[in-house]
Amino acid sequence: MVNPFVRKFVPLVNFLIATAALGFQVGVLYPWHHQLEQRFNELEHKQEQKLEDYHQTKMQTMKNIEEKLLTLNVPKESTTSPK
């Protein structure tokens, strides 16, 4: 059988541990969550900017390739005119 003193002591210990855990969550984890969210938003913005830059570079490269292909496909003018 469990000592009556232990029966009264265990709920108190449980309450103290739960209170300490709640204090840690409110005092440390919750502000840290906001800091992480802010950094995540900054990272997301940087990633979007890099993707936009990559897209612009890719489109410019494709445009340059098209221009070079068009110059290669242009028929050369002959010096003699067909009759």
PDB file of N, CA and C in Angstrom:
ATOM      1  N   MET A   1       0.837  -1.170   0.000  1.00  0.00           N
ATOM      2  CA  MET A   1       0.000   0.000   0.000  1.00  0.00           C
ATOM      3  C   MET A   1       0.887   1.241   0.000  1.00  0.00           C
ATOM      4  N   VAL A   2       0.413   2.283  -0.667  1.00  0.00           N
ATOM      5  CA  VAL A   2       1.179   3.512  -0.821  1.00  0.00           C
ATOM      6  C   VAL A   2       0.964   4.403   0.396  1.00  0.00           C
ATOM      7  N   ASN A   3       2.037   4.999   0.796  1.00  0.00           N
ATOM      8  CA  ASN A   3       2.015   5.896   1.943  1.00  0.00           C
ATOM      9  C   ASN A   3       1.104   7.096   1.639  1.00  0.00           C
ATOM     10  N   PRO A   4       0.262   7.555   2.549  1.00  0.00           N
ATOM     11  CA  PRO A   4      -0.617   8.705   2.316  1.00  0.00           C
ATOM     12  C   PRO A   4       0.164   9.990   2.002  1.00  0.00           C
ATOM     13  N   PHE A   5       1.357  10.089   2.553  1.00  0.00           N
ATOM     14  CA  PHE A   5       2.183  11.269   2.260  1.00  0.00           C
ATOM     15  C   PHE A   5       2.531  11.321   0.768  1.00  0.00           C
ATOM     16  N   VAL A   6       2.826  10.166   0.168  1.00  0.00           N
ATOM     17  CA  VAL A   6       3.155  10.088  -1.261  1.00  0.00           C
ATOM     18  C   VAL A   6       1.936  10.446  -2.094  1.00  0.00           C
ATOM     19  N   ARG A   7       0.765  10.013  -1.665  1.00  0.00           N
ATOM     20  CA  ARG A   7      -0.466  10.326  -2.396  1.00  0.00           C
ATOM     21  C   ARG A   7      -0.713  11.835  -2.456  1.00  0.00           C
ATOM     22  N   LYS A   8      -0.336  12.554  -1.447  1.00  0.00           N
ATOM     23  CA  LYS A   8      -0.501  14.009  -1.447  1.00  0.00           C
ATOM     24  C   LYS A   8       0.659  14.698  -2.164  1.00  0.00           C
ATOM     25  N   PHE A   9       1.831  14.076  -2.163  1.00  0.00           N
ATOM     26  CA  PHE A   9       3.039  14.685  -2.713  1.00  0.00           C
ATOM     27  C   PHE A   9       3.099  14.570  -4.241  1.00  0.00           C
ATOM     28  N   VAL A  10       2.647  13.457  -4.821  1.00  0.00           N
ATOM     29  CA  VAL A  10       2.725  13.220  -6.269  1.00  0.00           C
ATOM     30  C   VAL A  10       1.919  14.254  -7.061  1.00  0.00           C
ATOM     31  N   PRO A  11       0.683  14.578  -6.720  1.00  0.00           N
ATOM     32  CA  PRO A  11      -0.038  15.603  -7.481  1.00  0.00           C
ATOM     33  C   PRO A  11       0.645  16.975  -7.419  1.00  0.00           C
ATOM     34  N   LEU A  12       1.245  17.288  -6.282  1.00  0.00           N
ATOM     35  CA  LEU A  12       1.946  18.561  -6.166  1.00  0.00           C
ATOM     36  C   LEU A  12       3.160  18.598  -7.097  1.00  0.00           C
ATOM     37  N   VAL A  13       3.914  17.510  -7.145  1.00  0.00           N
ATOM     38  CA  VAL A  13       5.068  17.426  -8.050  1.00  0.00           C
ATOM     39  C   VAL A  13       4.596  17.518  -9.498  1.00  0.00           C
ATOM     40  N   ASN A  14       3.522  16.826  -9.807  1.00  0.00           N
ATOM     41  CA  ASN A  14       2.962  16.873 -11.153  1.00  0.00           C
ATOM     42  C   ASN A  14       2.556  18.304 -11.520  1.00  0.00           C
ATOM     43  N   PHE A  15       1.919  19.010 -10.612  1.00  0.00           N
ATOM     44  CA  PHE A  15       1.516  20.391 -10.855  1.00  0.00           C
ATOM     45  C   PHE A  15       2.731  21.295 -11.075  1.00  0.00           C
ATOM     46  N   LEU A  16       3.776  21.122 -10.276  1.00  0.00           N
ATOM     47  CA  LEU A  16       4.983  21.939 -10.429  1.00  0.00           C
ATOM     48  C   LEU A  16       5.668  21.683 -11.769  1.00  0.00           C
ATOM     49  N   ILE A  17       5.739  20.433 -12.179  1.00  0.00           N
ATOM     50  CA  ILE A  17       6.351  20.106 -13.475  1.00  0.00           C
ATOM     51  C   ILE A  17       5.526  20.695 -14.616  1.00  0.00           C
ATOM     52  N   ALA A  18       4.208  20.571 -14.537  1.00  0.00           N
ATOM     53  CA  ALA A  18       3.337  21.120 -15.577  1.00  0.00           C
ATOM     54  C   ALA A  18       3.444  22.641 -15.633  1.00  0.00           C
ATOM     55  N   THR A  19       3.529  23.293 -14.483  1.00  0.00           N
ATOM     56  CA  THR A  19       3.669  24.749 -14.441  1.00  0.00           C
ATOM     57  C   THR A  19       4.998  25.183 -15.044  1.00  0.00           C
ATOM     58  N   ALA A  20       6.063  24.463 -14.729  1.00  0.00           N
ATOM     59  CA  ALA A  20       7.373  24.786 -15.296  1.00  0.00           C
ATOM     60  C   ALA A  20       7.369  24.585 -16.808  1.00  0.00           C
ATOM     61  N   ALA A  21       6.725  23.519 -17.282  1.00  0.00           N
ATOM     62  CA  ALA A  21       6.649  23.260 -18.721  1.00  0.00           C
ATOM     63  C   ALA A  21       5.864  24.358 -19.432  1.00  0.00           C
ATOM     64  N   LEU A  22       4.761  24.777 -18.845  1.00  0.00           N
ATOM     65  CA  LEU A  22       3.966  25.853 -19.438  1.00  0.00           C
ATOM     66  C   LEU A  22       4.753  27.159 -19.458  1.00  0.00           C
ATOM     67  N   GLY A  23       5.452  27.444 -18.385  1.00  0.00           N
ATOM     68  CA  GLY A  23       6.281  28.655 -18.348  1.00  0.00           C
ATOM     69  C   GLY A  23       7.363  28.625 -19.410  1.00  0.00           C
ATOM     70  N   PHE A  24       7.965  27.476 -19.634  1.00  0.00           N
ATOM     71  CA  PHE A  24       8.985  27.340 -20.676  1.00  0.00           C
ATOM     72  C   PHE A  24       8.376  27.557 -22.056  1.00  0.00           C
ATOM     73  N   GLN A  25       7.200  26.991 -22.282  1.00  0.00           N
ATOM     74  CA  GLN A  25       6.546  27.155 -23.578  1.00  0.00           C
ATOM     75  C   GLN A  25       6.200  28.612 -23.849  1.00  0.00           C
ATOM     76  N   VAL A  26       5.668  29.286 -22.847  1.00  0.00           N
ATOM     77  CA  VAL A  26       5.254  30.680 -23.023  1.00  0.00           C
ATOM     78  C   VAL A  26       6.460  31.607 -23.088  1.00  0.00           C
ATOM     79  N   GLY A  27       7.455  31.353 -22.267  1.00  0.00           N
ATOM     80  CA  GLY A  27       8.593  32.264 -22.177  1.00  0.00           C
ATOM     81  C   GLY A  27       9.662  32.054 -23.225  1.00  0.00           C
ATOM     82  N   VAL A  28       9.821  30.821 -23.712  1.00  0.00           N
ATOM     83  CA  VAL A  28      10.922  30.529 -24.635  1.00  0.00           C
ATOM     84  C   VAL A  28      10.412  30.112 -26.008  1.00  0.00           C
ATOM     85  N   LEU A  29       9.578  29.103 -26.059  1.00  0.00           N
ATOM     86  CA  LEU A  29       9.183  28.541 -27.347  1.00  0.00           C
ATOM     87  C   LEU A  29       8.282  29.465 -28.154  1.00  0.00           C
ATOM     88  N   TYR A  30       7.350  30.141 -27.519  1.00  0.00           N
ATOM     89  CA  TYR A  30       6.430  31.002 -28.263  1.00  0.00           C
ATOM     90  C   TYR A  30       7.158  32.181 -28.922  1.00  0.00           C
ATOM     91  N   PRO A  31       8.020  32.933 -28.216  1.00  0.00           N
ATOM     92  CA  PRO A  31       8.766  33.997 -28.898  1.00  0.00           C
ATOM     93  C   PRO A  31       9.711  33.441 -29.971  1.00  0.00           C
ATOM     94  N   TRP A  32      10.285  32.287 -29.712  1.00  0.00           N
ATOM     95  CA  TRP A  32      11.186  31.674 -30.685  1.00  0.00           C
ATOM     96  C   TRP A  32      10.414  31.314 -31.947  1.00  0.00           C
ATOM     97  N   HIS A  33       9.150  30.913 -31.792  1.00  0.00           N
ATOM     98  CA  HIS A  33       8.297  30.597 -32.931  1.00  0.00           C
ATOM     99  C   HIS A  33       8.137  31.822 -33.833  1.00  0.00           C
ATOM    100  N   HIS A  34       7.933  32.983 -33.251  1.00  0.00           N
ATOM    101  CA  HIS A  34       7.789  34.205 -34.053  1.00  0.00           C
ATOM    102  C   HIS A  34       9.095  34.545 -34.764  1.00  0.00           C
ATOM    103  N   GLN A  35      10.206  34.360 -34.093  1.00  0.00           N
ATOM    104  CA  GLN A  35      11.506  34.618 -34.716  1.00  0.00           C
ATOM    105  C   GLN A  35      11.727  33.663 -35.889  1.00  0.00           C
ATOM    106  N   LEU A  36      11.408  32.400 -35.710  1.00  0.00           N
ATOM    107  CA  LEU A  36      11.563  31.429 -36.793  1.00  0.00           C
ATOM    108  C   LEU A  36      10.634  31.754 -37.959  1.00  0.00           C
ATOM    109  N   GLU A  37       9.417  32.186 -37.662  1.00  0.00           N
ATOM    110  CA  GLU A  37       8.471  32.536 -38.722  1.00  0.00           C
ATOM    111  C   GLU A  37       8.986  33.728 -39.531  1.00  0.00           C
ATOM    112  N   GLN A  38       9.550  34.717 -38.854  1.00  0.00           N
ATOM    113  CA  GLN A  38      10.098  35.879 -39.547  1.00  0.00           C
ATOM    114  C   GLN A  38      11.258  35.467 -40.451  1.00  0.00           C
ATOM    115  N   ARG A  39      12.156  34.645 -39.940  1.00  0.00           N
ATOM    116  CA  ARG A  39      13.286  34.186 -40.753  1.00  0.00           C
ATOM    117  C   ARG A  39      12.813  33.320 -41.918  1.00  0.00           C
ATOM    118  N   PHE A  40      11.796  32.515 -41.700  1.00  0.00           N
ATOM    119  CA  PHE A  40      11.257  31.696 -42.775  1.00  0.00           C
ATOM    120  C   PHE A  40      10.677  32.578 -43.876  1.00  0.00           C
ATOM    121  N   ASN A  41       9.972  33.629 -43.507  1.00  0.00           N
ATOM    122  CA  ASN A  41       9.411  34.541 -44.508  1.00  0.00           C
ATOM    123  C   ASN A  41      10.513  35.234 -45.296  1.00  0.00           C
ATOM    124  N   GLU A  42      11.600  35.623 -44.623  1.00  0.00           N
ATOM    125  CA  GLU A  42      12.730  36.228 -45.325  1.00  0.00           C
ATOM    126  C   GLU A  42      13.351  35.234 -46.299  1.00  0.00           C
ATOM    127  N   LEU A  43      13.508  34.004 -45.862  1.00  0.00           N
ATOM    128  CA  LEU A  43      14.076  32.966 -46.714  1.00  0.00           C
ATOM    129  C   LEU A  43      13.171  32.691 -47.908  1.00  0.00           C
ATOM    130  N   GLU A  44      11.878  32.682 -47.676  1.00  0.00           N
ATOM    131  CA  GLU A  44      10.920  32.458 -48.748  1.00  0.00           C
ATOM    132  C   GLU A  44      11.004  33.583 -49.783  1.00  0.00           C
ATOM    133  N   HIS A  45      11.139  34.817 -49.318  1.00  0.00           N
ATOM    134  CA  HIS A  45      11.261  35.954 -50.227  1.00  0.00           C
ATOM    135  C   HIS A  45      12.544  35.848 -51.057  1.00  0.00           C
ATOM    136  N   LYS A  46      13.649  35.478 -50.408  1.00  0.00           N
ATOM    137  CA  LYS A  46      14.916  35.316 -51.133  1.00  0.00           C
ATOM    138  C   LYS A  46      14.804  34.214 -52.182  1.00  0.00           C
ATOM    139  N   GLN A  47      14.142  33.130 -51.833  1.00  0.00           N
ATOM    140  CA  GLN A  47      13.979  32.021 -52.772  1.00  0.00           C
ATOM    141  C   GLN A  47      13.146  32.452 -53.974  1.00  0.00           C
ATOM    142  N   GLU A  48      12.076  33.191 -53.731  1.00  0.00           N
ATOM    143  CA  GLU A  48      11.248  33.687 -54.828  1.00  0.00           C
ATOM    144  C   GLU A  48      12.053  34.610 -55.732  1.00  0.00           C
ATOM    145  N   GLN A  49      12.891  35.459 -55.145  1.00  0.00           N
ATOM    146  CA  GLN A  49      13.721  36.366 -55.929  1.00  0.00           C
ATOM    147  C   GLN A  49      14.718  35.584 -56.779  1.00  0.00           C
ATOM    148  N   LYS A  50      15.331  34.563 -56.197  1.00  0.00           N
ATOM    149  CA  LYS A  50      16.288  33.753 -56.957  1.00  0.00           C
ATOM    150  C   LYS A  50      15.597  33.014 -58.097  1.00  0.00           C
ATOM    151  N   LEU A  51      14.396  32.506 -57.855  1.00  0.00           N
ATOM    152  CA  LEU A  51      13.659  31.832 -58.919  1.00  0.00           C
ATOM    153  C   LEU A  51      13.299  32.804 -60.041  1.00  0.00           C
ATOM    154  N   GLU A  52      12.926  34.012 -59.674  1.00  0.00           N
ATOM    155  CA  GLU A  52      12.607  35.024 -60.689  1.00  0.00           C
ATOM    156  C   GLU A  52      13.851  35.373 -61.503  1.00  0.00           C
ATOM    157  N   ASP A  53      14.990  35.546 -60.834  1.00  0.00           N
ATOM    158  CA  ASP A  53      16.242  35.826 -61.544  1.00  0.00           C
ATOM    159  C   ASP A  53      16.611  34.679 -62.475  1.00  0.00           C
ATOM    160  N   TYR A  54      16.453  33.445 -61.987  1.00  0.00           N
ATOM    161  CA  TYR A  54      16.756  32.279 -62.811  1.00  0.00           C
ATOM    162  C   TYR A  54      15.842  32.239 -64.027  1.00  0.00           C
ATOM    163  N   HIS A  55      14.562  32.521 -63.828  1.00  0.00           N
ATOM    164  CA  HIS A  55      13.606  32.523 -64.932  1.00  0.00           C
ATOM    165  C   HIS A  55      13.985  33.582 -65.967  1.00  0.00           C
ATOM    166  N   GLN A  56      14.344  34.762 -65.513  1.00  0.00           N
ATOM    167  CA  GLN A  56      14.742  35.824 -66.440  1.00  0.00           C
ATOM    168  C   GLN A  56      15.992  35.426 -67.225  1.00  0.00           C
ATOM    169  N   THR A  57      16.964  34.824 -66.547  1.00  0.00           N
ATOM    170  CA  THR A  57      18.190  34.383 -67.220  1.00  0.00           C
ATOM    171  C   THR A  57      17.878  33.300 -68.242  1.00  0.00           C
ATOM    172  N   LYS A  58      17.019  32.374 -67.869  1.00  0.00           N
ATOM    173  CA  LYS A  58      16.640  31.294 -68.777  1.00  0.00           C
ATOM    174  C   LYS A  58      15.926  31.850 -70.005  1.00  0.00           C
ATOM    175  N   MET A  59      15.022  32.786 -69.798  1.00  0.00           N
ATOM    176  CA  MET A  59      14.302  33.373 -70.931  1.00  0.00           C
ATOM    177  C   MET A  59      15.245  34.155 -71.842  1.00  0.00           C
ATOM    178  N   GLN A  60      16.207  34.857 -71.263  1.00  0.00           N
ATOM    179  CA  GLN A  60      17.175  35.595 -72.069  1.00  0.00           C
ATOM    180  C   GLN A  60      18.034  34.624 -72.879  1.00  0.00           C
ATOM    181  N   THR A  61      18.429  33.518 -72.278  1.00  0.00           N
ATOM    182  CA  THR A  61      19.216  32.512 -72.989  1.00  0.00           C
ATOM    183  C   THR A  61      18.413  31.924 -74.139  1.00  0.00           C
ATOM    184  N   MET A  62      17.144  31.626 -73.899  1.00  0.00           N
ATOM    185  CA  MET A  62      16.301  31.089 -74.969  1.00  0.00           C
ATOM    186  C   MET A  62      16.130  32.107 -76.095  1.00  0.00           C
ATOM    187  N   LYS A  63      15.995  33.362 -75.740  1.00  0.00           N
ATOM    188  CA  LYS A  63      15.854  34.409 -76.750  1.00  0.00           C
ATOM    189  C   LYS A  63      17.126  34.512 -77.588  1.00  0.00           C
ATOM    190  N   ASN A  64      18.281  34.430 -76.938  1.00  0.00           N
ATOM    191  CA  ASN A  64      19.550  34.479 -77.668  1.00  0.00           C
ATOM    192  C   ASN A  64      19.691  33.285 -78.607  1.00  0.00           C
ATOM    193  N   ILE A  65      19.284  32.111 -78.155  1.00  0.00           N
ATOM    194  CA  ILE A  65      19.354  30.918 -79.000  1.00  0.00           C
ATOM    195  C   ILE A  65      18.431  31.068 -80.202  1.00  0.00           C
ATOM    196  N   GLU A  66      17.228  31.565 -79.985  1.00  0.00           N
ATOM    197  CA  GLU A  66      16.293  31.783 -81.093  1.00  0.00           C
ATOM    198  C   GLU A  66      16.864  32.762 -82.113  1.00  0.00           C
ATOM    199  N   GLU A  67      17.462  33.844 -81.642  1.00  0.00           N
ATOM    200  CA  GLU A  67      18.043  34.831 -82.549  1.00  0.00           C
ATOM    201  C   GLU A  67      19.172  34.221 -83.375  1.00  0.00           C
ATOM    202  N   LYS A  68      20.001  33.414 -82.742  1.00  0.00           N
ATOM    203  CA  LYS A  68      21.097  32.775 -83.475  1.00  0.00           C
ATOM    204  C   LYS A  68      20.565  31.770 -84.488  1.00  0.00           C
ATOM    205  N   LEU A  69      19.519  31.036 -84.128  1.00  0.00           N
ATOM    206  CA  LEU A  69      18.925  30.098 -85.078  1.00  0.00           C
ATOM    207  C   LEU A  69      18.308  30.832 -86.257  1.00  0.00           C
ATOM    208  N   LEU A  70      17.676  31.950 -85.998  1.00  0.00           N
ATOM    209  CA  LEU A  70      17.091  32.728 -87.085  1.00  0.00           C
ATOM    210  C   LEU A  70      18.166  33.255 -88.028  1.00  0.00           C
ATOM    211  N   THR A  71      19.280  33.679 -87.484  1.00  0.00           N
ATOM    212  CA  THR A  71      20.356  34.163 -88.360  1.00  0.00           C
ATOM    213  C   THR A  71      20.959  33.022 -89.161  1.00  0.00           C
ATOM    214  N   LEU A  72      20.944  31.815 -88.629  1.00  0.00           N
ATOM    215  CA  LEU A  72      21.457  30.668 -89.381  1.00  0.00           C
ATOM    216  C   LEU A  72      20.487  30.237 -90.466  1.00  0.00           C
ATOM    217  N   ASN A  73      19.209  30.430 -90.278  1.00  0.00           N
ATOM    218  CA  ASN A  73      18.193  29.997 -91.237  1.00  0.00           C
ATOM    219  C   ASN A  73      17.907  31.025 -92.320  1.00  0.00           C
ATOM    220  N   VAL A  74      18.442  32.206 -92.198  1.00  0.00           N
ATOM    221  CA  VAL A  74      18.210  33.230 -93.213  1.00  0.00           C
ATOM    222  C   VAL A  74      18.936  32.806 -94.485  1.00  0.00           C
ATOM    223  N   PRO A  75      18.216  32.704 -95.608  1.00  0.00           N
ATOM    224  CA  PRO A  75      18.889  32.295 -96.853  1.00  0.00           C
ATOM    225  C   PRO A  75      19.849  33.385 -97.314  1.00  0.00           C
ATOM    226  N   LYS A  76      20.977  32.922 -97.775  1.00  0.00           N
ATOM    227  CA  LYS A  76      21.981  33.872 -98.260  1.00  0.00           C
ATOM    228  C   LYS A  76      21.555  34.381 -99.627  1.00  0.00           C
ATOM    229  N   GLU A  77      21.759  35.654 -99.841  1.00  0.00           N
ATOM    230  CA  GLU A  77      21.414  36.238-101.135  1.00  0.00           C
ATOM    231  C   GLU A  77      22.508  35.888-102.134  1.00  0.00           C
ATOM    232  N   SER A  78      22.082  35.425-103.270  1.00  0.00           N
ATOM    233  CA  SER A  78      23.074  35.075-104.299  1.00  0.00           C
ATOM    234  C   SER A  78      23.431  36.314-105.106  1.00  0.00           C
ATOM    235  N   THR A  79      24.609  36.303-105.664  1.00  0.00           N
ATOM    236  CA  THR A  79      25.070  37.458-106.439  1.00  0.00           C
ATOM    237  C   THR A  79      24.448  37.488-107.817  1.00  0.00           C
ATOM    238  N   THR A  80      24.020  36.342-108.309  1.00  0.00           N
ATOM    239  CA  THR A  80      23.362  36.313-109.622  1.00  0.00           C
ATOM    240  C   THR A  80      21.871  36.206-109.422  1.00  0.00           C
ATOM    241  N   SER A  81      21.145  36.924-110.194  1.00  0.00           N
ATOM    242  CA  SER A  81      19.696  36.883-110.076  1.00  0.00           C
ATOM    243  C   SER A  81      19.145  35.772-110.965  1.00  0.00           C
ATOM    244  N   PRO A  82      18.186  35.024-110.483  1.00  0.00           N
ATOM    245  CA  PRO A  82      17.606  33.948-111.302  1.00  0.00           C
ATOM    246  C   PRO A  82      16.762  34.522-112.435  1.00  0.00           C
ATOM    247  N   LYS A  83      16.793  33.839-113.559  1.00  0.00           N
ATOM    248  CA  LYS A  83      16.026  34.303-114.724  1.00  0.00           C
ATOM    249  C   LYS A  83      14.922  33.380-115.075  1.00  0.00           C
TER     250      LYS A  83
END
